[in-house]
Amino acid sequence: MLVLGIETSTSQTTVALGSEQGIIAATVLSTGKMNHEVVMPNITHLLRWAEVPISSIGGVAVGLGPGLFTGMRVGITTAKTLAQILHVPIAGLASLDVVAFSVRYSRRLICAALDAKRGELFYAFYRPVPGGITRQTDFDVGSPSRLTAELEARPEDVLLVGNAGLVYRRELEEAGKHVEFASAAYSFPAATALVELAIPRFMREDFDRVYDLKPYYVRKSDAEIAWDKRRRTG
């Protein structure tokens, strides 16, 4: 079964195509800017390079965040549209889960943390288990100092993975030597890992309903915050 993975919840846009036998092709675009308008062109080029007709896709997997609002919406809308046009199942997965899955072979407790902008980060804790990871906490959003305090309170060694470790490394290093920073290669949720996570779901027919698929909104959007401010001052 061929699965197309679409991950746009961060400033990195990544698309991958794979099956239970491995990844066939993948593209990554990361310039520090929002590049989500290139999602469909990337998919088109990916299929052309892999010499795979779009009709061969058997399922679509998409990252649901938490992440940047515009990116999440673009990726999810694209994935829904493709699933409906191709009449194939769709599966949504949390982008923090995808980041943590990339370092699933670690023996440490895993903290996946992504830059949420506005001086905040999205994060969750995971424990490696045979064959993958299991999430230990809910998704949360907070300041680097808040996460630092949580890391300090953990009695065990922690592997911090995600681009928040790049953006806020100085603050997060204050948590102590029991916190190790993962390679920058795992800083963003990868569509390759998304496909790997999604394939077992497709194999056991654990699909999502298209109309139920929504981003993980861990905090309010800028527009909602501005509206709240106007109401309080109005």
C-alpha atoms as a PDB file:
ATOM      1  CA  MET A   1       0.000   0.000   0.000  1.00  0.00           C
ATOM      2  CA  LEU A   2       1.415   3.366  -1.063  1.00  0.00           C
ATOM      3  CA  VAL A   3       0.983   6.142   1.502  1.00  0.00           C
ATOM      4  CA  LEU A   4       1.516   9.837   0.830  1.00  0.00           C
ATOM      5  CA  GLY A   5       2.651  11.832   3.886  1.00  0.00           C
ATOM      6  CA  ILE A   6       2.191  15.596   4.193  1.00  0.00           C
ATOM      7  CA  GLU A   7       3.713  17.556   7.080  1.00  0.00           C
ATOM      8  CA  THR A   8       3.415  21.374   7.150  1.00  0.00           C
ATOM      9  CA  SER A   9       2.955  22.256  10.834  1.00  0.00           C
ATOM     10  CA  THR A  10       6.296  24.084  11.070  1.00  0.00           C
ATOM     11  CA  SER A  11       8.332  26.363   8.801  1.00  0.00           C
ATOM     12  CA  GLN A  12       9.609  23.202   7.109  1.00  0.00           C
ATOM     13  CA  THR A  13       7.450  21.683   4.380  1.00  0.00           C
ATOM     14  CA  THR A  14       8.050  17.980   3.849  1.00  0.00           C
ATOM     15  CA  VAL A  15       6.318  15.360   1.709  1.00  0.00           C
ATOM     16  CA  ALA A  16       7.060  11.633   1.458  1.00  0.00           C
ATOM     17  CA  LEU A  17       5.842   8.545  -0.346  1.00  0.00           C
ATOM     18  CA  GLY A  18       6.305   5.069   1.064  1.00  0.00           C
ATOM     19  CA  SER A  19       4.906   1.633   1.791  1.00  0.00           C
ATOM     20  CA  GLU A  20       5.381  -1.146   4.327  1.00  0.00           C
ATOM     21  CA  GLN A  21       8.585  -1.956   2.410  1.00  0.00           C
ATOM     22  CA  GLY A  22      10.128   1.473   3.049  1.00  0.00           C
ATOM     23  CA  ILE A  23      10.288   5.073   1.871  1.00  0.00           C
ATOM     24  CA  ILE A  24      10.281   5.531  -1.896  1.00  0.00           C
ATOM     25  CA  ALA A  25      10.864   9.275  -2.150  1.00  0.00           C
ATOM     26  CA  ALA A  26      10.755  12.435  -0.031  1.00  0.00           C
ATOM     27  CA  THR A  27      11.200  16.181  -0.363  1.00  0.00           C
ATOM     28  CA  VAL A  28      12.119  18.764   2.268  1.00  0.00           C
ATOM     29  CA  LEU A  29      12.001  22.546   1.944  1.00  0.00           C
ATOM     30  CA  SER A  30      13.258  24.549   4.898  1.00  0.00           C
ATOM     31  CA  THR A  31      14.270  28.159   4.316  1.00  0.00           C
ATOM     32  CA  GLY A  32      13.061  29.663   7.585  1.00  0.00           C
ATOM     33  CA  LYS A  33      10.003  31.089   5.835  1.00  0.00           C
ATOM     34  CA  MET A  34       6.490  29.767   5.336  1.00  0.00           C
ATOM     35  CA  ASN A  35       6.696  27.622   2.188  1.00  0.00           C
ATOM     36  CA  HIS A  36       3.348  25.891   2.355  1.00  0.00           C
ATOM     37  CA  GLU A  37       2.147  27.223  -0.997  1.00  0.00           C
ATOM     38  CA  VAL A  38       4.534  24.687  -2.573  1.00  0.00           C
ATOM     39  CA  VAL A  39       2.830  21.637  -1.054  1.00  0.00           C
ATOM     40  CA  MET A  40       0.965  20.561  -4.192  1.00  0.00           C
ATOM     41  CA  PRO A  41       3.892  21.309  -6.547  1.00  0.00           C
ATOM     42  CA  ASN A  42       6.097  19.237  -4.223  1.00  0.00           C
ATOM     43  CA  ILE A  43       3.635  16.341  -4.354  1.00  0.00           C
ATOM     44  CA  THR A  44       3.448  16.572  -8.140  1.00  0.00           C
ATOM     45  CA  HIS A  45       7.240  16.588  -8.503  1.00  0.00           C
ATOM     46  CA  LEU A  46       7.624  13.779  -5.961  1.00  0.00           C
ATOM     47  CA  LEU A  47       5.260  11.500  -7.863  1.00  0.00           C
ATOM     48  CA  ARG A  48       6.905  12.375 -11.175  1.00  0.00           C
ATOM     49  CA  TRP A  49      10.429  11.674  -9.856  1.00  0.00           C
ATOM     50  CA  ALA A  50       9.298   8.404  -8.305  1.00  0.00           C
ATOM     51  CA  GLU A  51       7.452   7.520 -11.524  1.00  0.00           C
ATOM     52  CA  VAL A  52       4.328   6.773  -9.516  1.00  0.00           C
ATOM     53  CA  PRO A  53       0.899   7.775 -10.886  1.00  0.00           C
ATOM     54  CA  ILE A  54      -1.266   9.624  -8.396  1.00  0.00           C
ATOM     55  CA  SER A  55      -3.911   6.926  -8.836  1.00  0.00           C
ATOM     56  CA  SER A  56      -1.538   4.438  -7.146  1.00  0.00           C
ATOM     57  CA  ILE A  57      -1.766   6.232  -3.798  1.00  0.00           C
ATOM     58  CA  GLY A  58      -3.686   4.060  -1.354  1.00  0.00           C
ATOM     59  CA  GLY A  59      -3.784   6.378   1.649  1.00  0.00           C
ATOM     60  CA  VAL A  60      -2.919   9.902   2.817  1.00  0.00           C
ATOM     61  CA  ALA A  61      -1.256  10.726   6.132  1.00  0.00           C
ATOM     62  CA  VAL A  62      -1.052  14.271   7.470  1.00  0.00           C
ATOM     63  CA  GLY A  63       0.537  16.033  10.435  1.00  0.00           C
ATOM     64  CA  LEU A  64      -2.033  17.713  12.704  1.00  0.00           C
ATOM     65  CA  GLY A  65       0.279  19.847  14.811  1.00  0.00           C
ATOM     66  CA  PRO A  66       0.384  21.410  17.294  1.00  0.00           C
ATOM     67  CA  GLY A  67       2.171  23.942  15.190  1.00  0.00           C
ATOM     68  CA  LEU A  68       1.836  27.113  13.162  1.00  0.00           C
ATOM     69  CA  PHE A  69      -1.791  27.849  12.295  1.00  0.00           C
ATOM     70  CA  THR A  70      -1.446  28.648   8.583  1.00  0.00           C
ATOM     71  CA  GLY A  71       0.835  25.700   7.902  1.00  0.00           C
ATOM     72  CA  MET A  72      -1.423  23.229   9.701  1.00  0.00           C
ATOM     73  CA  ARG A  73      -4.493  24.391   7.825  1.00  0.00           C
ATOM     74  CA  VAL A  74      -2.798  24.250   4.417  1.00  0.00           C
ATOM     75  CA  GLY A  75      -1.455  20.743   4.962  1.00  0.00           C
ATOM     76  CA  ILE A  76      -4.683  19.343   6.371  1.00  0.00           C
ATOM     77  CA  THR A  77      -6.824  20.939   3.651  1.00  0.00           C
ATOM     78  CA  THR A  78      -4.520  19.534   0.959  1.00  0.00           C
ATOM     79  CA  ALA A  79      -4.597  16.065   2.514  1.00  0.00           C
ATOM     80  CA  LYS A  80      -8.398  16.083   2.853  1.00  0.00           C
ATOM     81  CA  THR A  81      -8.847  17.222  -0.742  1.00  0.00           C
ATOM     82  CA  LEU A  82      -6.558  14.516  -2.097  1.00  0.00           C
ATOM     83  CA  ALA A  83      -8.223  11.795  -0.008  1.00  0.00           C
ATOM     84  CA  GLN A  84     -11.645  12.806  -1.290  1.00  0.00           C
ATOM     85  CA  ILE A  85     -10.580  13.127  -4.939  1.00  0.00           C
ATOM     86  CA  LEU A  86      -8.728   9.784  -4.899  1.00  0.00           C
ATOM     87  CA  HIS A  87     -11.351   8.059  -2.722  1.00  0.00           C
ATOM     88  CA  VAL A  88      -8.662   6.748  -0.335  1.00  0.00           C
ATOM     89  CA  PRO A  89      -8.515   6.659   3.480  1.00  0.00           C
ATOM     90  CA  ILE A  90      -6.811   9.351   5.522  1.00  0.00           C
ATOM     91  CA  ALA A  91      -4.992   9.301   8.864  1.00  0.00           C
ATOM     92  CA  GLY A  92      -3.951  12.300  10.938  1.00  0.00           C
ATOM     93  CA  LEU A  93      -1.078  12.123  13.404  1.00  0.00           C
ATOM     94  CA  ALA A  94       0.252  14.606  15.931  1.00  0.00           C
ATOM     95  CA  SER A  95       3.380  16.377  14.739  1.00  0.00           C
ATOM     96  CA  LEU A  96       5.010  16.137  18.182  1.00  0.00           C
ATOM     97  CA  ASP A  97       4.453  12.368  18.042  1.00  0.00           C
ATOM     98  CA  VAL A  98       6.234  12.329  14.677  1.00  0.00           C
ATOM     99  CA  VAL A  99       9.213  14.240  16.092  1.00  0.00           C
ATOM    100  CA  ALA A 100       9.488  11.896  19.069  1.00  0.00           C
ATOM    101  CA  PHE A 101       9.158   8.823  16.831  1.00  0.00           C
ATOM    102  CA  SER A 102      12.277   9.911  14.949  1.00  0.00           C
ATOM    103  CA  VAL A 103      14.392   9.218  18.078  1.00  0.00           C
ATOM    104  CA  ARG A 104      12.443   6.172  19.275  1.00  0.00           C
ATOM    105  CA  TYR A 105      15.615   4.132  19.779  1.00  0.00           C
ATOM    106  CA  SER A 106      16.790   6.378  22.603  1.00  0.00           C
ATOM    107  CA  ARG A 107      17.011   4.821  26.073  1.00  0.00           C
ATOM    108  CA  ARG A 108      16.138   8.150  27.669  1.00  0.00           C
ATOM    109  CA  LEU A 109      12.793   9.764  28.354  1.00  0.00           C
ATOM    110  CA  ILE A 110      11.989  11.846  25.259  1.00  0.00           C
ATOM    111  CA  CYS A 111      10.772  15.435  25.287  1.00  0.00           C
ATOM    112  CA  ALA A 112       9.597  16.627  21.860  1.00  0.00           C
ATOM    113  CA  ALA A 113       9.485  20.426  21.690  1.00  0.00           C
ATOM    114  CA  LEU A 114       8.677  22.690  18.736  1.00  0.00           C
ATOM    115  CA  ASP A 115       9.001  26.453  18.447  1.00  0.00           C
ATOM    116  CA  ALA A 116       5.520  27.971  18.836  1.00  0.00           C
ATOM    117  CA  LYS A 117       6.700  31.557  18.165  1.00  0.00           C
ATOM    118  CA  ARG A 118       5.765  34.426  20.541  1.00  0.00           C
ATOM    119  CA  GLY A 119       8.521  33.220  22.884  1.00  0.00           C
ATOM    120  CA  GLU A 120       6.743  29.912  23.535  1.00  0.00           C
ATOM    121  CA  LEU A 121       7.077  26.265  22.590  1.00  0.00           C
ATOM    122  CA  PHE A 122       4.817  23.238  22.164  1.00  0.00           C
ATOM    123  CA  TYR A 123       5.964  20.125  23.973  1.00  0.00           C
ATOM    124  CA  ALA A 124       5.098  16.670  25.300  1.00  0.00           C
ATOM    125  CA  PHE A 125       6.970  13.819  26.988  1.00  0.00           C
ATOM    126  CA  TYR A 126       7.316  10.304  25.579  1.00  0.00           C
ATOM    127  CA  ARG A 127       8.737   6.971  26.643  1.00  0.00           C
ATOM    128  CA  PRO A 128      10.390   4.591  24.158  1.00  0.00           C
ATOM    129  CA  VAL A 129       8.681   1.199  23.924  1.00  0.00           C
ATOM    130  CA  PRO A 130       9.348  -1.798  21.663  1.00  0.00           C
ATOM    131  CA  GLY A 131       8.432  -0.735  18.152  1.00  0.00           C
ATOM    132  CA  GLY A 132       7.924   2.953  18.882  1.00  0.00           C
ATOM    133  CA  ILE A 133       6.951   5.433  21.578  1.00  0.00           C
ATOM    134  CA  THR A 134       4.124   6.113  23.991  1.00  0.00           C
ATOM    135  CA  ARG A 135       3.064   9.624  24.945  1.00  0.00           C
ATOM    136  CA  GLN A 136       3.268  10.274  28.688  1.00  0.00           C
ATOM    137  CA  THR A 137       1.699  13.755  28.852  1.00  0.00           C
ATOM    138  CA  ASP A 138      -0.830  15.915  27.062  1.00  0.00           C
ATOM    139  CA  PHE A 139       0.343  18.482  24.529  1.00  0.00           C
ATOM    140  CA  ASP A 140       1.282  21.714  26.255  1.00  0.00           C
ATOM    141  CA  VAL A 141       2.449  25.202  25.363  1.00  0.00           C
ATOM    142  CA  GLY A 142       4.569  27.463  27.516  1.00  0.00           C
ATOM    143  CA  SER A 143       7.698  29.532  27.907  1.00  0.00           C
ATOM    144  CA  PRO A 144      11.219  28.076  27.776  1.00  0.00           C
ATOM    145  CA  SER A 145      11.546  28.747  31.504  1.00  0.00           C
ATOM    146  CA  ARG A 146       8.426  26.680  32.176  1.00  0.00           C
ATOM    147  CA  LEU A 147       9.757  23.709  30.240  1.00  0.00           C
ATOM    148  CA  THR A 148      13.159  24.149  31.880  1.00  0.00           C
ATOM    149  CA  ALA A 149      11.488  23.850  35.284  1.00  0.00           C
ATOM    150  CA  GLU A 150       9.698  20.668  34.167  1.00  0.00           C
ATOM    151  CA  LEU A 151      12.949  19.194  32.876  1.00  0.00           C
ATOM    152  CA  GLU A 152      14.726  20.044  36.125  1.00  0.00           C
ATOM    153  CA  ALA A 153      11.973  18.279  38.061  1.00  0.00           C
ATOM    154  CA  ARG A 154      12.472  15.050  36.105  1.00  0.00           C
ATOM    155  CA  PRO A 155      14.708  12.622  38.027  1.00  0.00           C
ATOM    156  CA  GLU A 156      15.741  10.699  34.885  1.00  0.00           C
ATOM    157  CA  ASP A 157      17.829  11.472  31.824  1.00  0.00           C
ATOM    158  CA  VAL A 158      15.923  13.242  29.059  1.00  0.00           C
ATOM    159  CA  LEU A 159      16.540  13.527  25.324  1.00  0.00           C
ATOM    160  CA  LEU A 160      15.185  16.835  24.011  1.00  0.00           C
ATOM    161  CA  VAL A 161      14.277  16.721  20.323  1.00  0.00           C
ATOM    162  CA  GLY A 162      12.745  19.367  18.060  1.00  0.00           C
ATOM    163  CA  ASN A 163      13.591  22.822  16.795  1.00  0.00           C
ATOM    164  CA  ALA A 164      12.757  24.440  20.149  1.00  0.00           C
ATOM    165  CA  GLY A 165      16.076  22.986  21.274  1.00  0.00           C
ATOM    166  CA  LEU A 166      17.776  25.099  18.624  1.00  0.00           C
ATOM    167  CA  VAL A 167      15.824  28.305  19.197  1.00  0.00           C
ATOM    168  CA  TYR A 168      15.841  28.209  23.006  1.00  0.00           C
ATOM    169  CA  ARG A 169      18.940  26.121  23.693  1.00  0.00           C
ATOM    170  CA  ARG A 170      20.553  28.631  26.053  1.00  0.00           C
ATOM    171  CA  GLU A 171      17.507  28.734  28.326  1.00  0.00           C
ATOM    172  CA  LEU A 172      16.856  24.978  28.157  1.00  0.00           C
ATOM    173  CA  GLU A 173      20.477  24.106  28.973  1.00  0.00           C
ATOM    174  CA  GLU A 174      19.805  25.489  32.441  1.00  0.00           C
ATOM    175  CA  ALA A 175      17.840  22.303  33.150  1.00  0.00           C
ATOM    176  CA  GLY A 176      21.152  20.541  33.814  1.00  0.00           C
ATOM    177  CA  LYS A 177      23.435  17.874  32.420  1.00  0.00           C
ATOM    178  CA  HIS A 178      20.795  15.140  32.572  1.00  0.00           C
ATOM    179  CA  VAL A 179      19.180  16.749  29.487  1.00  0.00           C
ATOM    180  CA  GLU A 180      20.747  15.820  26.153  1.00  0.00           C
ATOM    181  CA  PHE A 181      19.926  17.654  22.911  1.00  0.00           C
ATOM    182  CA  ALA A 182      19.179  15.488  19.880  1.00  0.00           C
ATOM    183  CA  SER A 183      20.833  16.073  16.521  1.00  0.00           C
ATOM    184  CA  ALA A 184      19.588  19.023  14.491  1.00  0.00           C
ATOM    185  CA  ALA A 185      18.669  16.466  11.807  1.00  0.00           C
ATOM    186  CA  TYR A 186      15.596  15.612  13.910  1.00  0.00           C
ATOM    187  CA  SER A 187      14.519  19.195  14.562  1.00  0.00           C
ATOM    188  CA  PHE A 188      11.342  19.085  12.481  1.00  0.00           C
ATOM    189  CA  PRO A 189       8.544  16.543  12.034  1.00  0.00           C
ATOM    190  CA  ALA A 190       9.526  14.543   8.945  1.00  0.00           C
ATOM    191  CA  ALA A 191       7.045  13.214   6.420  1.00  0.00           C
ATOM    192  CA  THR A 192       9.153  10.036   6.242  1.00  0.00           C
ATOM    193  CA  ALA A 193       8.504   9.341   9.934  1.00  0.00           C
ATOM    194  CA  LEU A 194       4.867  10.335   9.423  1.00  0.00           C
ATOM    195  CA  VAL A 195       4.494   7.663   6.735  1.00  0.00           C
ATOM    196  CA  GLU A 196       6.192   5.054   8.939  1.00  0.00           C
ATOM    197  CA  LEU A 197       3.796   5.826  11.776  1.00  0.00           C
ATOM    198  CA  ALA A 198       0.744   5.860   9.538  1.00  0.00           C
ATOM    199  CA  ILE A 199       1.283   2.593   7.669  1.00  0.00           C
ATOM    200  CA  PRO A 200       0.420   0.325  10.661  1.00  0.00           C
ATOM    201  CA  ARG A 201      -2.796   2.316  11.101  1.00  0.00           C
ATOM    202  CA  PHE A 202      -3.740   1.807   7.465  1.00  0.00           C
ATOM    203  CA  MET A 203      -2.908  -1.890   7.693  1.00  0.00           C
ATOM    204  CA  ARG A 204      -5.379  -2.343  10.554  1.00  0.00           C
ATOM    205  CA  GLU A 205      -7.895   0.009   8.880  1.00  0.00           C
ATOM    206  CA  ASP A 206      -7.638   2.614  11.628  1.00  0.00           C
ATOM    207  CA  PHE A 207      -8.723   5.563   9.496  1.00  0.00           C
ATOM    208  CA  ASP A 208     -10.013   9.036  10.303  1.00  0.00           C
ATOM    209  CA  ARG A 209     -13.205  10.516   8.929  1.00  0.00           C
ATOM    210  CA  VAL A 210     -12.349  13.401   6.632  1.00  0.00           C
ATOM    211  CA  TYR A 211     -14.786  15.828   8.221  1.00  0.00           C
ATOM    212  CA  ASP A 212     -13.569  15.049  11.738  1.00  0.00           C
ATOM    213  CA  LEU A 213      -9.904  15.743  10.981  1.00  0.00           C
ATOM    214  CA  LYS A 214      -8.792  18.988  12.652  1.00  0.00           C
ATOM    215  CA  PRO A 215      -5.516  20.557  13.796  1.00  0.00           C
ATOM    216  CA  TYR A 216      -4.424  20.331  17.416  1.00  0.00           C
ATOM    217  CA  TYR A 217      -5.066  23.892  18.577  1.00  0.00           C
ATOM    218  CA  VAL A 218      -3.141  23.983  21.843  1.00  0.00           C
ATOM    219  CA  ARG A 219      -3.485  27.759  22.064  1.00  0.00           C
ATOM    220  CA  LYS A 220      -5.518  30.554  20.521  1.00  0.00           C
ATOM    221  CA  SER A 221      -4.630  32.105  17.180  1.00  0.00           C
ATOM    222  CA  ASP A 222      -3.310  35.671  16.864  1.00  0.00           C
ATOM    223  CA  ALA A 223      -6.731  36.767  15.582  1.00  0.00           C
ATOM    224  CA  GLU A 224      -8.482  35.243  18.617  1.00  0.00           C
ATOM    225  CA  ILE A 225      -6.043  36.857  21.022  1.00  0.00           C
ATOM    226  CA  ALA A 226      -6.534  40.247  19.331  1.00  0.00           C
ATOM    227  CA  TRP A 227     -10.314  39.805  19.529  1.00  0.00           C
ATOM    228  CA  ASP A 228     -10.111  38.963  23.240  1.00  0.00           C
ATOM    229  CA  LYS A 229      -8.031  42.108  23.851  1.00  0.00           C
ATOM    230  CA  ARG A 230     -10.547  44.274  22.017  1.00  0.00           C
ATOM    231  CA  ARG A 231     -13.424  42.808  24.040  1.00  0.00           C
ATOM    232  CA  ARG A 232     -11.640  43.463  27.331  1.00  0.00           C
ATOM    233  CA  THR A 233     -10.761  47.050  26.413  1.00  0.00           C
ATOM    234  CA  GLY A 234     -14.001  47.811  24.564  1.00  0.00           C
END
